[in-house]
Amino acid sequence: MSRPARPDAHQALLEAARTEFSRRGLERARVEDISRRAGVSKGAFYLHFTSKDDAFDELVQRFIGALEALGGRRRVATATFERDLAGRRREVAAARWLTLERALDTELLELLWANRQLQRVLDGAGGRRWSRPVHLLRARLRALAIGRLAGGQAAGLLRADLDAEVIGDLVTGGYEGLARRMADLPARPDLAAWAGSCLALVYQGLLAPPAATVPRRASR
């Protein structure tokens, strides 16, 4: 009598494939090792995937989908924030904006950490056929960052004398660098602190200065 199929086998194989791809690269990873790590037979692997490339493709598709979903939530959160901005003092609005950005940036870093093992593979030979989809995703995320920055400038929260596209490139490239650094870390860092550092170094420097006040003349 055959054993019933494990309901978690598909996910277990994906996690095992993620680890093996990180350790050995896509080309050197073996289905036997992926199956063994997942605790299933080699035959069971082929019930879920046609090849190791098929497993890798699903991992990347899920990662891109999660980034796209996060971008959508970010657009909604930003639009809601901008609607609630009316009538608030600039200092209060700026503080709320920084709080929102820290929460959203931390969520992005959490997602990058969960998928950090894919970064090394995407940077290597295994990511060649994914270069165009990843490039297009980067362009969409860059456009999202530029749109948020331009919106902050239009609302008077951010310095209007800076080029939003240049800042968008710096922010996008900075987070790509953090994603690559994660791939080599042995333990999970304090991602909220990382987001706070980014805000302190980049976003706070973008805040528009308080409105100038005319000094009062000393009474005689």
N, C-alpha and C. Protein backbone atom coordinates (compact mmCIF):
# COMPACT_ATOMS: atom_id res chain seq x y z
N MET A 1 0.85 -1.20 0.00
CA MET A 1 0.00 0.00 0.00
C MET A 1 0.89 1.25 0.00
N SER A 2 0.67 2.13 -0.95
CA SER A 2 1.51 3.32 -1.05
C SER A 2 1.17 4.32 0.04
N ARG A 3 2.19 5.07 0.45
CA ARG A 3 2.00 6.08 1.48
C ARG A 3 1.29 7.30 0.88
N PRO A 4 0.44 7.97 1.66
CA PRO A 4 -0.23 9.17 1.13
C PRO A 4 0.79 10.27 0.88
N ALA A 5 0.50 11.08 -0.11
CA ALA A 5 1.42 12.17 -0.45
C ALA A 5 1.46 13.19 0.68
N ARG A 6 2.63 13.73 0.95
CA ARG A 6 2.77 14.75 1.99
C ARG A 6 2.13 16.05 1.49
N PRO A 7 1.23 16.64 2.29
CA PRO A 7 0.61 17.90 1.83
C PRO A 7 1.58 19.06 1.73
N ASP A 8 2.70 18.96 2.47
CA ASP A 8 3.66 20.06 2.45
C ASP A 8 4.86 19.77 1.55
N ALA A 9 4.78 18.72 0.74
CA ALA A 9 5.94 18.30 -0.05
C ALA A 9 6.37 19.38 -1.03
N HIS A 10 5.42 20.03 -1.68
CA HIS A 10 5.77 21.04 -2.69
C HIS A 10 6.57 22.16 -2.05
N GLN A 11 6.08 22.68 -0.93
CA GLN A 11 6.78 23.78 -0.26
C GLN A 11 8.13 23.31 0.28
N ALA A 12 8.17 22.09 0.83
CA ALA A 12 9.43 21.56 1.35
C ALA A 12 10.47 21.44 0.23
N LEU A 13 10.05 21.02 -0.94
CA LEU A 13 10.97 20.92 -2.07
C LEU A 13 11.46 22.29 -2.52
N LEU A 14 10.57 23.27 -2.49
CA LEU A 14 10.99 24.62 -2.87
C LEU A 14 12.04 25.16 -1.90
N GLU A 15 11.81 24.96 -0.60
CA GLU A 15 12.78 25.44 0.39
C GLU A 15 14.11 24.70 0.26
N ALA A 16 14.03 23.39 0.01
CA ALA A 16 15.25 22.62 -0.17
C ALA A 16 15.99 23.07 -1.43
N ALA A 17 15.24 23.33 -2.50
CA ALA A 17 15.86 23.81 -3.73
C ALA A 17 16.52 25.16 -3.52
N ARG A 18 15.87 26.03 -2.77
CA ARG A 18 16.44 27.34 -2.49
C ARG A 18 17.80 27.20 -1.81
N THR A 19 17.88 26.30 -0.84
CA THR A 19 19.13 26.08 -0.11
C THR A 19 20.21 25.48 -1.01
N GLU A 20 19.85 24.47 -1.80
CA GLU A 20 20.82 23.83 -2.67
C GLU A 20 21.32 24.78 -3.76
N PHE A 21 20.42 25.59 -4.30
CA PHE A 21 20.84 26.56 -5.31
C PHE A 21 21.82 27.56 -4.72
N SER A 22 21.57 27.96 -3.48
CA SER A 22 22.47 28.91 -2.82
C SER A 22 23.83 28.27 -2.56
N ARG A 23 23.84 26.99 -2.15
CA ARG A 23 25.09 26.32 -1.81
C ARG A 23 25.92 25.98 -3.04
N ARG A 24 25.26 25.49 -4.09
CA ARG A 24 25.99 24.90 -5.21
C ARG A 24 25.79 25.63 -6.53
N GLY A 25 24.86 26.59 -6.57
CA GLY A 25 24.54 27.23 -7.84
C GLY A 25 23.50 26.40 -8.59
N LEU A 26 22.83 27.02 -9.53
CA LEU A 26 21.77 26.33 -10.25
C LEU A 26 22.32 25.17 -11.07
N GLU A 27 23.44 25.36 -11.73
CA GLU A 27 23.93 24.34 -12.65
C GLU A 27 24.48 23.12 -11.91
N ARG A 28 25.06 23.31 -10.73
CA ARG A 28 25.66 22.19 -9.99
C ARG A 28 24.70 21.53 -9.01
N ALA A 29 23.59 22.19 -8.68
CA ALA A 29 22.62 21.59 -7.76
C ALA A 29 22.03 20.33 -8.39
N ARG A 30 21.75 19.33 -7.55
CA ARG A 30 21.25 18.05 -8.04
C ARG A 30 19.86 17.77 -7.47
N VAL A 31 19.02 17.18 -8.31
CA VAL A 31 17.67 16.82 -7.86
C VAL A 31 17.74 15.87 -6.68
N GLU A 32 18.71 14.94 -6.69
CA GLU A 32 18.84 13.98 -5.59
C GLU A 32 19.05 14.70 -4.26
N ASP A 33 19.90 15.72 -4.26
CA ASP A 33 20.19 16.44 -3.02
C ASP A 33 18.99 17.28 -2.57
N ILE A 34 18.29 17.86 -3.53
CA ILE A 34 17.09 18.64 -3.20
C ILE A 34 16.06 17.72 -2.55
N SER A 35 15.84 16.56 -3.17
CA SER A 35 14.85 15.61 -2.65
C SER A 35 15.22 15.12 -1.26
N ARG A 36 16.50 14.79 -1.07
CA ARG A 36 16.96 14.30 0.23
C ARG A 36 16.77 15.37 1.30
N ARG A 37 17.11 16.60 0.97
CA ARG A 37 16.97 17.68 1.94
C ARG A 37 15.50 17.90 2.30
N ALA A 38 14.61 17.71 1.34
CA ALA A 38 13.18 17.89 1.59
C ALA A 38 12.55 16.69 2.28
N GLY A 39 13.28 15.58 2.33
CA GLY A 39 12.75 14.38 2.97
C GLY A 39 11.78 13.60 2.11
N VAL A 40 11.94 13.69 0.79
CA VAL A 40 11.08 12.93 -0.12
C VAL A 40 11.98 12.19 -1.11
N SER A 41 11.36 11.32 -1.88
CA SER A 41 12.11 10.56 -2.88
C SER A 41 12.34 11.41 -4.13
N LYS A 42 13.32 10.96 -4.92
CA LYS A 42 13.58 11.65 -6.19
C LYS A 42 12.36 11.58 -7.09
N GLY A 43 11.67 10.45 -7.05
CA GLY A 43 10.46 10.32 -7.85
C GLY A 43 9.40 11.32 -7.44
N ALA A 44 9.31 11.58 -6.12
CA ALA A 44 8.32 12.56 -5.64
C ALA A 44 8.63 13.95 -6.15
N PHE A 45 9.92 14.24 -6.32
CA PHE A 45 10.30 15.55 -6.87
C PHE A 45 9.62 15.77 -8.22
N TYR A 46 9.65 14.74 -9.05
CA TYR A 46 9.12 14.89 -10.41
C TYR A 46 7.59 14.85 -10.46
N LEU A 47 6.94 14.61 -9.33
CA LEU A 47 5.50 14.79 -9.27
C LEU A 47 5.14 16.27 -9.15
N HIS A 48 6.11 17.08 -8.72
CA HIS A 48 5.86 18.50 -8.50
C HIS A 48 6.55 19.40 -9.53
N PHE A 49 7.71 18.97 -10.05
CA PHE A 49 8.48 19.80 -10.96
C PHE A 49 9.00 18.94 -12.11
N THR A 50 9.12 19.56 -13.28
CA THR A 50 9.65 18.82 -14.42
C THR A 50 11.18 18.77 -14.37
N SER A 51 11.81 19.72 -13.67
CA SER A 51 13.26 19.79 -13.59
C SER A 51 13.64 20.73 -12.45
N LYS A 52 14.93 20.79 -12.14
CA LYS A 52 15.38 21.74 -11.12
C LYS A 52 15.19 23.18 -11.61
N ASP A 53 15.32 23.40 -12.93
CA ASP A 53 15.07 24.73 -13.49
C ASP A 53 13.63 25.15 -13.25
N ASP A 54 12.72 24.20 -13.32
CA ASP A 54 11.30 24.47 -13.07
C ASP A 54 11.11 24.94 -11.63
N ALA A 55 11.80 24.30 -10.68
CA ALA A 55 11.71 24.70 -9.28
C ALA A 55 12.30 26.10 -9.09
N PHE A 56 13.42 26.36 -9.73
CA PHE A 56 14.04 27.68 -9.63
C PHE A 56 13.11 28.76 -10.19
N ASP A 57 12.48 28.46 -11.32
CA ASP A 57 11.58 29.44 -11.93
C ASP A 57 10.42 29.77 -10.99
N GLU A 58 9.89 28.77 -10.31
CA GLU A 58 8.78 29.04 -9.38
C GLU A 58 9.25 29.91 -8.21
N LEU A 59 10.45 29.65 -7.71
CA LEU A 59 10.98 30.47 -6.63
C LEU A 59 11.10 31.93 -7.06
N VAL A 60 11.62 32.16 -8.25
CA VAL A 60 11.79 33.53 -8.72
C VAL A 60 10.44 34.19 -9.00
N GLN A 61 9.52 33.42 -9.59
CA GLN A 61 8.19 33.96 -9.85
C GLN A 61 7.49 34.37 -8.56
N ARG A 62 7.62 33.55 -7.53
CA ARG A 62 7.01 33.90 -6.24
C ARG A 62 7.66 35.16 -5.65
N PHE A 63 8.97 35.26 -5.78
CA PHE A 63 9.69 36.42 -5.26
C PHE A 63 9.25 37.69 -5.98
N ILE A 64 9.21 37.64 -7.30
CA ILE A 64 8.78 38.80 -8.07
C ILE A 64 7.34 39.15 -7.74
N GLY A 65 6.49 38.14 -7.62
CA GLY A 65 5.09 38.39 -7.26
C GLY A 65 4.95 39.05 -5.90
N ALA A 66 5.77 38.61 -4.94
CA ALA A 66 5.73 39.21 -3.61
C ALA A 66 6.20 40.66 -3.64
N LEU A 67 7.22 40.95 -4.44
CA LEU A 67 7.69 42.34 -4.57
C LEU A 67 6.64 43.21 -5.24
N GLU A 68 5.97 42.66 -6.26
CA GLU A 68 4.90 43.40 -6.93
C GLU A 68 3.76 43.69 -5.96
N ALA A 69 3.39 42.69 -5.15
CA ALA A 69 2.31 42.87 -4.17
C ALA A 69 2.69 43.92 -3.14
N LEU A 70 3.95 43.90 -2.70
CA LEU A 70 4.43 44.89 -1.75
C LEU A 70 4.37 46.29 -2.37
N GLY A 71 4.76 46.39 -3.63
CA GLY A 71 4.67 47.67 -4.32
C GLY A 71 3.24 48.18 -4.37
N GLY A 72 2.28 47.28 -4.60
CA GLY A 72 0.87 47.67 -4.61
C GLY A 72 0.42 48.17 -3.24
N ARG A 73 0.81 47.46 -2.18
CA ARG A 73 0.44 47.91 -0.83
C ARG A 73 1.07 49.26 -0.52
N ARG A 74 2.27 49.47 -1.04
CA ARG A 74 2.96 50.73 -0.79
C ARG A 74 2.22 51.88 -1.49
N ARG A 75 1.74 51.65 -2.69
CA ARG A 75 0.99 52.69 -3.39
C ARG A 75 -0.28 53.04 -2.64
N VAL A 76 -0.98 52.02 -2.13
CA VAL A 76 -2.21 52.27 -1.39
C VAL A 76 -1.92 53.04 -0.10
N ALA A 77 -0.88 52.62 0.62
CA ALA A 77 -0.54 53.28 1.89
C ALA A 77 -0.14 54.72 1.65
N THR A 78 0.62 54.96 0.57
CA THR A 78 1.04 56.33 0.27
C THR A 78 -0.14 57.20 -0.12
N ALA A 79 -1.06 56.65 -0.93
CA ALA A 79 -2.25 57.43 -1.33
C ALA A 79 -3.11 57.75 -0.11
N THR A 80 -3.26 56.79 0.79
CA THR A 80 -4.05 57.04 2.00
C THR A 80 -3.39 58.11 2.85
N PHE A 81 -2.07 58.03 2.98
CA PHE A 81 -1.35 59.03 3.75
C PHE A 81 -1.53 60.42 3.16
N GLU A 82 -1.44 60.53 1.83
CA GLU A 82 -1.56 61.83 1.19
C GLU A 82 -2.96 62.41 1.37
N ARG A 83 -3.98 61.54 1.40
CA ARG A 83 -5.35 62.04 1.65
C ARG A 83 -5.49 62.58 3.07
N ASP A 84 -4.80 61.90 4.01
CA ASP A 84 -4.90 62.32 5.41
C ASP A 84 -3.98 63.49 5.74
N LEU A 85 -3.20 63.91 4.77
CA LEU A 85 -2.20 64.95 5.03
C LEU A 85 -2.80 66.34 5.15
N ALA A 86 -3.93 66.55 4.50
CA ALA A 86 -4.52 67.89 4.43
C ALA A 86 -4.77 68.45 5.83
N GLY A 87 -4.35 69.68 6.01
CA GLY A 87 -4.62 70.37 7.26
C GLY A 87 -3.63 70.12 8.37
N ARG A 88 -2.67 69.24 8.18
CA ARG A 88 -1.70 68.95 9.24
C ARG A 88 -0.50 69.88 9.12
N ARG A 89 0.07 70.21 10.27
CA ARG A 89 1.29 71.00 10.26
C ARG A 89 2.41 70.22 9.58
N ARG A 90 3.30 70.94 8.91
CA ARG A 90 4.36 70.28 8.16
C ARG A 90 5.21 69.39 9.03
N GLU A 91 5.55 69.82 10.25
CA GLU A 91 6.39 69.02 11.13
C GLU A 91 5.71 67.71 11.51
N VAL A 92 4.40 67.78 11.79
CA VAL A 92 3.64 66.58 12.14
C VAL A 92 3.55 65.64 10.94
N ALA A 93 3.27 66.22 9.76
CA ALA A 93 3.15 65.41 8.55
C ALA A 93 4.48 64.73 8.23
N ALA A 94 5.60 65.46 8.40
CA ALA A 94 6.91 64.88 8.10
C ALA A 94 7.22 63.71 9.03
N ALA A 95 6.89 63.87 10.32
CA ALA A 95 7.15 62.79 11.27
C ALA A 95 6.31 61.56 10.92
N ARG A 96 5.05 61.77 10.54
CA ARG A 96 4.19 60.65 10.15
C ARG A 96 4.70 60.00 8.87
N TRP A 97 5.21 60.80 7.95
CA TRP A 97 5.74 60.27 6.70
C TRP A 97 6.95 59.37 6.97
N LEU A 98 7.84 59.81 7.86
CA LEU A 98 9.01 59.02 8.20
C LEU A 98 8.61 57.71 8.87
N THR A 99 7.60 57.75 9.73
CA THR A 99 7.12 56.54 10.39
C THR A 99 6.57 55.55 9.36
N LEU A 100 5.79 56.06 8.41
CA LEU A 100 5.24 55.21 7.36
C LEU A 100 6.36 54.61 6.52
N GLU A 101 7.34 55.42 6.13
CA GLU A 101 8.43 54.92 5.31
C GLU A 101 9.25 53.86 6.03
N ARG A 102 9.45 54.04 7.32
CA ARG A 102 10.21 53.04 8.07
C ARG A 102 9.48 51.71 8.09
N ALA A 103 8.17 51.74 8.30
CA ALA A 103 7.39 50.50 8.32
C ALA A 103 7.43 49.81 6.96
N LEU A 104 7.27 50.58 5.89
CA LEU A 104 7.27 50.00 4.55
C LEU A 104 8.65 49.49 4.16
N ASP A 105 9.70 50.24 4.52
CA ASP A 105 11.06 49.79 4.20
C ASP A 105 11.42 48.53 4.98
N THR A 106 10.97 48.44 6.23
CA THR A 106 11.23 47.24 7.02
C THR A 106 10.55 46.03 6.38
N GLU A 107 9.32 46.22 5.89
CA GLU A 107 8.62 45.12 5.21
C GLU A 107 9.39 44.67 3.97
N LEU A 108 9.94 45.64 3.23
CA LEU A 108 10.74 45.29 2.06
C LEU A 108 11.99 44.50 2.46
N LEU A 109 12.67 44.94 3.50
CA LEU A 109 13.88 44.25 3.95
C LEU A 109 13.55 42.84 4.45
N GLU A 110 12.41 42.67 5.10
CA GLU A 110 11.98 41.33 5.54
C GLU A 110 11.81 40.41 4.33
N LEU A 111 11.21 40.93 3.27
CA LEU A 111 11.01 40.13 2.06
C LEU A 111 12.35 39.79 1.40
N LEU A 112 13.25 40.76 1.35
CA LEU A 112 14.57 40.50 0.77
C LEU A 112 15.34 39.47 1.59
N TRP A 113 15.20 39.54 2.92
CA TRP A 113 15.89 38.57 3.78
C TRP A 113 15.35 37.16 3.55
N ALA A 114 14.03 37.04 3.44
CA ALA A 114 13.42 35.72 3.24
C ALA A 114 13.87 35.10 1.92
N ASN A 115 14.24 35.93 0.94
CA ASN A 115 14.64 35.43 -0.38
C ASN A 115 16.11 35.70 -0.68
N ARG A 116 16.91 35.90 0.38
CA ARG A 116 18.31 36.30 0.18
C ARG A 116 19.11 35.26 -0.58
N GLN A 117 18.73 33.98 -0.46
CA GLN A 117 19.52 32.95 -1.13
C GLN A 117 19.35 32.99 -2.65
N LEU A 118 18.25 33.58 -3.11
CA LEU A 118 18.04 33.68 -4.55
C LEU A 118 18.96 34.71 -5.18
N GLN A 119 19.37 35.71 -4.38
CA GLN A 119 20.13 36.81 -4.94
C GLN A 119 21.43 36.33 -5.57
N ARG A 120 22.13 35.44 -4.87
CA ARG A 120 23.41 34.94 -5.38
C ARG A 120 23.21 34.19 -6.70
N VAL A 121 22.13 33.42 -6.79
CA VAL A 121 21.87 32.67 -8.02
C VAL A 121 21.49 33.61 -9.16
N LEU A 122 20.66 34.61 -8.86
CA LEU A 122 20.26 35.56 -9.90
C LEU A 122 21.44 36.37 -10.40
N ASP A 123 22.42 36.61 -9.53
CA ASP A 123 23.61 37.35 -9.96
C ASP A 123 24.56 36.49 -10.78
N GLY A 124 24.40 35.17 -10.71
CA GLY A 124 25.29 34.27 -11.43
C GLY A 124 24.68 33.77 -12.72
N ALA A 125 25.24 32.65 -13.19
CA ALA A 125 24.79 32.10 -14.47
C ALA A 125 23.33 31.67 -14.44
N GLY A 126 22.85 31.25 -13.25
CA GLY A 126 21.48 30.79 -13.15
C GLY A 126 20.44 31.86 -13.40
N GLY A 127 20.84 33.13 -13.31
CA GLY A 127 19.88 34.21 -13.48
C GLY A 127 19.83 34.80 -14.86
N ARG A 128 20.57 34.23 -15.81
CA ARG A 128 20.65 34.84 -17.15
C ARG A 128 19.29 34.95 -17.82
N ARG A 129 18.51 33.88 -17.80
CA ARG A 129 17.24 33.96 -18.50
C ARG A 129 16.22 34.81 -17.76
N TRP A 130 16.56 35.18 -16.50
CA TRP A 130 15.67 36.04 -15.73
C TRP A 130 16.13 37.49 -15.76
N SER A 131 17.18 37.80 -16.52
CA SER A 131 17.73 39.15 -16.49
C SER A 131 16.70 40.18 -16.95
N ARG A 132 15.95 39.90 -18.00
CA ARG A 132 14.98 40.89 -18.48
C ARG A 132 13.82 41.06 -17.51
N PRO A 133 13.15 39.99 -17.02
CA PRO A 133 12.08 40.20 -16.04
C PRO A 133 12.56 40.95 -14.80
N VAL A 134 13.77 40.63 -14.32
CA VAL A 134 14.29 41.32 -13.14
C VAL A 134 14.57 42.79 -13.47
N HIS A 135 15.08 43.05 -14.67
CA HIS A 135 15.32 44.43 -15.09
C HIS A 135 14.01 45.22 -15.13
N LEU A 136 12.96 44.61 -15.67
CA LEU A 136 11.67 45.29 -15.75
C LEU A 136 11.08 45.52 -14.36
N LEU A 137 11.26 44.55 -13.46
CA LEU A 137 10.78 44.72 -12.09
C LEU A 137 11.52 45.87 -11.43
N ARG A 138 12.83 45.91 -11.60
CA ARG A 138 13.61 47.00 -11.02
C ARG A 138 13.12 48.35 -11.53
N ALA A 139 12.81 48.43 -12.83
CA ALA A 139 12.33 49.68 -13.40
C ALA A 139 11.00 50.09 -12.77
N ARG A 140 10.12 49.11 -12.51
CA ARG A 140 8.83 49.44 -11.89
C ARG A 140 9.02 49.90 -10.44
N LEU A 141 9.92 49.24 -9.72
CA LEU A 141 10.16 49.64 -8.33
C LEU A 141 10.83 51.02 -8.28
N ARG A 142 11.73 51.26 -9.22
CA ARG A 142 12.36 52.59 -9.29
C ARG A 142 11.31 53.65 -9.56
N ALA A 143 10.40 53.38 -10.50
CA ALA A 143 9.34 54.35 -10.81
C ALA A 143 8.45 54.59 -9.59
N LEU A 144 8.19 53.54 -8.82
CA LEU A 144 7.39 53.70 -7.60
C LEU A 144 8.09 54.61 -6.61
N ALA A 145 9.40 54.40 -6.43
CA ALA A 145 10.17 55.24 -5.50
C ALA A 145 10.18 56.69 -5.97
N ILE A 146 10.36 56.91 -7.27
CA ILE A 146 10.39 58.27 -7.81
C ILE A 146 9.03 58.93 -7.63
N GLY A 147 7.97 58.18 -7.85
CA GLY A 147 6.63 58.73 -7.68
C GLY A 147 6.37 59.17 -6.25
N ARG A 148 6.84 58.35 -5.27
CA ARG A 148 6.65 58.72 -3.86
C ARG A 148 7.44 59.98 -3.53
N LEU A 149 8.67 60.05 -4.04
CA LEU A 149 9.51 61.22 -3.78
C LEU A 149 8.91 62.48 -4.40
N ALA A 150 8.45 62.36 -5.64
CA ALA A 150 7.84 63.51 -6.31
C ALA A 150 6.57 63.95 -5.59
N GLY A 151 5.81 62.97 -5.08
CA GLY A 151 4.61 63.32 -4.33
C GLY A 151 4.95 64.06 -3.05
N GLY A 152 6.02 63.62 -2.37
CA GLY A 152 6.46 64.30 -1.16
C GLY A 152 6.94 65.71 -1.45
N GLN A 153 7.58 65.90 -2.60
CA GLN A 153 8.01 67.24 -3.00
C GLN A 153 6.80 68.14 -3.29
N ALA A 154 5.83 67.57 -3.99
CA ALA A 154 4.64 68.37 -4.32
C ALA A 154 3.86 68.76 -3.07
N ALA A 155 3.92 67.91 -2.04
CA ALA A 155 3.20 68.20 -0.80
C ALA A 155 3.98 69.15 0.11
N GLY A 156 5.21 69.50 -0.28
CA GLY A 156 6.01 70.39 0.53
C GLY A 156 6.76 69.71 1.65
N LEU A 157 6.76 68.36 1.67
CA LEU A 157 7.46 67.64 2.73
C LEU A 157 8.94 67.47 2.42
N LEU A 158 9.27 67.34 1.14
CA LEU A 158 10.64 67.06 0.73
C LEU A 158 11.21 68.23 -0.05
N ARG A 159 12.51 68.32 -0.05
CA ARG A 159 13.19 69.40 -0.74
C ARG A 159 12.87 69.37 -2.23
N ALA A 160 12.42 70.49 -2.74
CA ALA A 160 12.04 70.57 -4.15
C ALA A 160 13.23 70.83 -5.05
N ASP A 161 14.39 71.13 -4.47
CA ASP A 161 15.57 71.46 -5.29
C ASP A 161 16.35 70.23 -5.72
N LEU A 162 15.90 69.03 -5.29
CA LEU A 162 16.62 67.80 -5.62
C LEU A 162 15.87 67.05 -6.72
N ASP A 163 16.63 66.34 -7.55
CA ASP A 163 16.07 65.57 -8.67
C ASP A 163 15.53 64.24 -8.14
N ALA A 164 14.22 64.05 -8.23
CA ALA A 164 13.59 62.84 -7.70
C ALA A 164 14.13 61.59 -8.39
N GLU A 165 14.48 61.69 -9.68
CA GLU A 165 14.98 60.52 -10.39
C GLU A 165 16.36 60.11 -9.88
N VAL A 166 17.21 61.09 -9.58
CA VAL A 166 18.53 60.77 -9.04
C VAL A 166 18.39 60.12 -7.67
N ILE A 167 17.54 60.68 -6.81
CA ILE A 167 17.32 60.09 -5.49
C ILE A 167 16.71 58.70 -5.62
N GLY A 168 15.81 58.52 -6.59
CA GLY A 168 15.22 57.20 -6.82
C GLY A 168 16.26 56.17 -7.18
N ASP A 169 17.26 56.57 -8.00
CA ASP A 169 18.36 55.66 -8.35
C ASP A 169 19.18 55.30 -7.11
N LEU A 170 19.46 56.28 -6.26
CA LEU A 170 20.24 56.02 -5.05
C LEU A 170 19.50 55.07 -4.11
N VAL A 171 18.22 55.30 -3.93
CA VAL A 171 17.44 54.45 -3.03
C VAL A 171 17.34 53.03 -3.57
N THR A 172 17.00 52.91 -4.87
CA THR A 172 16.87 51.58 -5.48
C THR A 172 18.19 50.82 -5.43
N GLY A 173 19.27 51.50 -5.82
CA GLY A 173 20.58 50.85 -5.79
C GLY A 173 21.02 50.49 -4.39
N GLY A 174 20.69 51.34 -3.42
CA GLY A 174 21.05 51.04 -2.03
C GLY A 174 20.40 49.78 -1.52
N TYR A 175 19.12 49.59 -1.83
CA TYR A 175 18.44 48.39 -1.36
C TYR A 175 18.90 47.15 -2.12
N GLU A 176 19.29 47.31 -3.37
CA GLU A 176 19.88 46.17 -4.08
C GLU A 176 21.18 45.76 -3.42
N GLY A 177 21.97 46.75 -2.99
CA GLY A 177 23.21 46.44 -2.29
C GLY A 177 22.95 45.72 -0.97
N LEU A 178 21.93 46.14 -0.25
CA LEU A 178 21.60 45.47 1.01
C LEU A 178 21.16 44.02 0.74
N ALA A 179 20.41 43.82 -0.33
CA ALA A 179 19.97 42.45 -0.67
C ALA A 179 21.17 41.56 -0.94
N ARG A 180 22.17 42.07 -1.63
CA ARG A 180 23.37 41.27 -1.91
C ARG A 180 24.17 41.02 -0.63
N ARG A 181 24.22 41.98 0.25
CA ARG A 181 24.93 41.80 1.51
C ARG A 181 24.25 40.72 2.35
N MET A 182 22.93 40.68 2.33
CA MET A 182 22.19 39.68 3.11
C MET A 182 22.59 38.26 2.74
N ALA A 183 22.90 38.04 1.46
CA ALA A 183 23.21 36.69 1.00
C ALA A 183 24.43 36.11 1.69
N ASP A 184 25.29 36.97 2.26
CA ASP A 184 26.52 36.50 2.90
C ASP A 184 26.47 36.58 4.42
N LEU A 185 25.34 36.99 4.98
CA LEU A 185 25.25 37.12 6.44
C LEU A 185 24.90 35.79 7.08
N PRO A 186 25.56 35.42 8.18
CA PRO A 186 25.26 34.14 8.84
C PRO A 186 24.02 34.19 9.72
N ALA A 187 23.59 35.37 10.14
CA ALA A 187 22.43 35.49 11.03
C ALA A 187 21.60 36.70 10.61
N ARG A 188 20.32 36.65 10.95
CA ARG A 188 19.41 37.73 10.59
C ARG A 188 19.76 39.01 11.34
N PRO A 189 19.96 40.11 10.64
CA PRO A 189 20.26 41.37 11.31
C PRO A 189 18.98 42.04 11.81
N ASP A 190 19.13 43.16 12.48
CA ASP A 190 17.99 43.96 12.93
C ASP A 190 17.52 44.78 11.73
N LEU A 191 16.53 44.26 11.02
CA LEU A 191 16.11 44.89 9.77
C LEU A 191 15.42 46.23 10.01
N ALA A 192 14.71 46.36 11.13
CA ALA A 192 14.09 47.65 11.44
C ALA A 192 15.16 48.71 11.67
N ALA A 193 16.27 48.30 12.29
CA ALA A 193 17.38 49.24 12.49
C ALA A 193 18.01 49.62 11.16
N TRP A 194 18.11 48.65 10.23
CA TRP A 194 18.62 48.97 8.89
C TRP A 194 17.73 50.02 8.23
N ALA A 195 16.41 49.81 8.32
CA ALA A 195 15.48 50.77 7.71
C ALA A 195 15.65 52.13 8.36
N GLY A 196 15.83 52.16 9.68
CA GLY A 196 16.03 53.42 10.37
C GLY A 196 17.29 54.12 9.92
N SER A 197 18.35 53.35 9.68
CA SER A 197 19.59 53.94 9.20
C SER A 197 19.40 54.57 7.82
N CYS A 198 18.69 53.87 6.95
CA CYS A 198 18.43 54.41 5.62
C CYS A 198 17.64 55.71 5.71
N LEU A 199 16.64 55.73 6.58
CA LEU A 199 15.84 56.93 6.73
C LEU A 199 16.69 58.09 7.26
N ALA A 200 17.53 57.78 8.25
CA ALA A 200 18.35 58.84 8.85
C ALA A 200 19.33 59.42 7.84
N LEU A 201 19.93 58.55 7.02
CA LEU A 201 20.98 59.00 6.10
C LEU A 201 20.42 59.59 4.81
N VAL A 202 19.29 59.06 4.37
CA VAL A 202 18.77 59.50 3.08
C VAL A 202 17.52 60.36 3.24
N TYR A 203 16.47 59.78 3.79
CA TYR A 203 15.19 60.48 3.79
C TYR A 203 15.19 61.74 4.64
N GLN A 204 15.79 61.69 5.84
CA GLN A 204 15.78 62.89 6.67
C GLN A 204 16.55 64.02 6.01
N GLY A 205 17.57 63.67 5.21
CA GLY A 205 18.28 64.71 4.47
C GLY A 205 17.45 65.29 3.34
N LEU A 206 16.36 64.59 2.98
CA LEU A 206 15.48 65.08 1.92
C LEU A 206 14.39 65.99 2.45
N LEU A 207 14.17 65.99 3.76
CA LEU A 207 13.06 66.76 4.31
C LEU A 207 13.25 68.25 4.04
N ALA A 208 12.17 68.89 3.68
CA ALA A 208 12.22 70.33 3.46
C ALA A 208 12.47 71.03 4.78
N PRO A 209 13.29 72.08 4.79
CA PRO A 209 13.55 72.78 6.05
C PRO A 209 12.29 73.49 6.53
N PRO A 210 12.20 73.73 7.83
CA PRO A 210 11.04 74.47 8.34
C PRO A 210 10.95 75.84 7.69
N ALA A 211 9.74 76.36 7.63
CA ALA A 211 9.56 77.68 7.04
C ALA A 211 10.37 78.71 7.81
N ALA A 212 11.05 79.59 7.06
CA ALA A 212 11.89 80.59 7.71
C ALA A 212 11.05 81.55 8.53
N THR A 213 11.55 81.91 9.68
CA THR A 213 10.87 82.87 10.54
C THR A 213 11.66 84.15 10.60
N VAL A 214 10.97 85.26 10.65
CA VAL A 214 11.63 86.56 10.73
C VAL A 214 12.00 86.84 12.18
N PRO A 215 13.28 87.05 12.49
CA PRO A 215 13.65 87.29 13.88
C PRO A 215 13.02 88.58 14.41
N ARG A 216 12.57 88.48 15.62
CA ARG A 216 11.96 89.66 16.27
C ARG A 216 13.03 90.63 16.71
N ARG A 217 12.77 91.91 16.52
CA ARG A 217 13.72 92.93 16.96
C ARG A 217 13.64 93.08 18.47
N ALA A 218 14.81 93.23 19.05
CA ALA A 218 14.82 93.45 20.49
C ALA A 218 14.21 94.79 20.82
N SER A 219 13.38 94.82 21.82
CA SER A 219 12.75 96.07 22.24
C SER A 219 13.77 96.97 22.96
N ARG A 220 13.63 98.25 22.76
CA ARG A 220 14.54 99.20 23.40
C ARG A 220 13.94 99.78 24.67
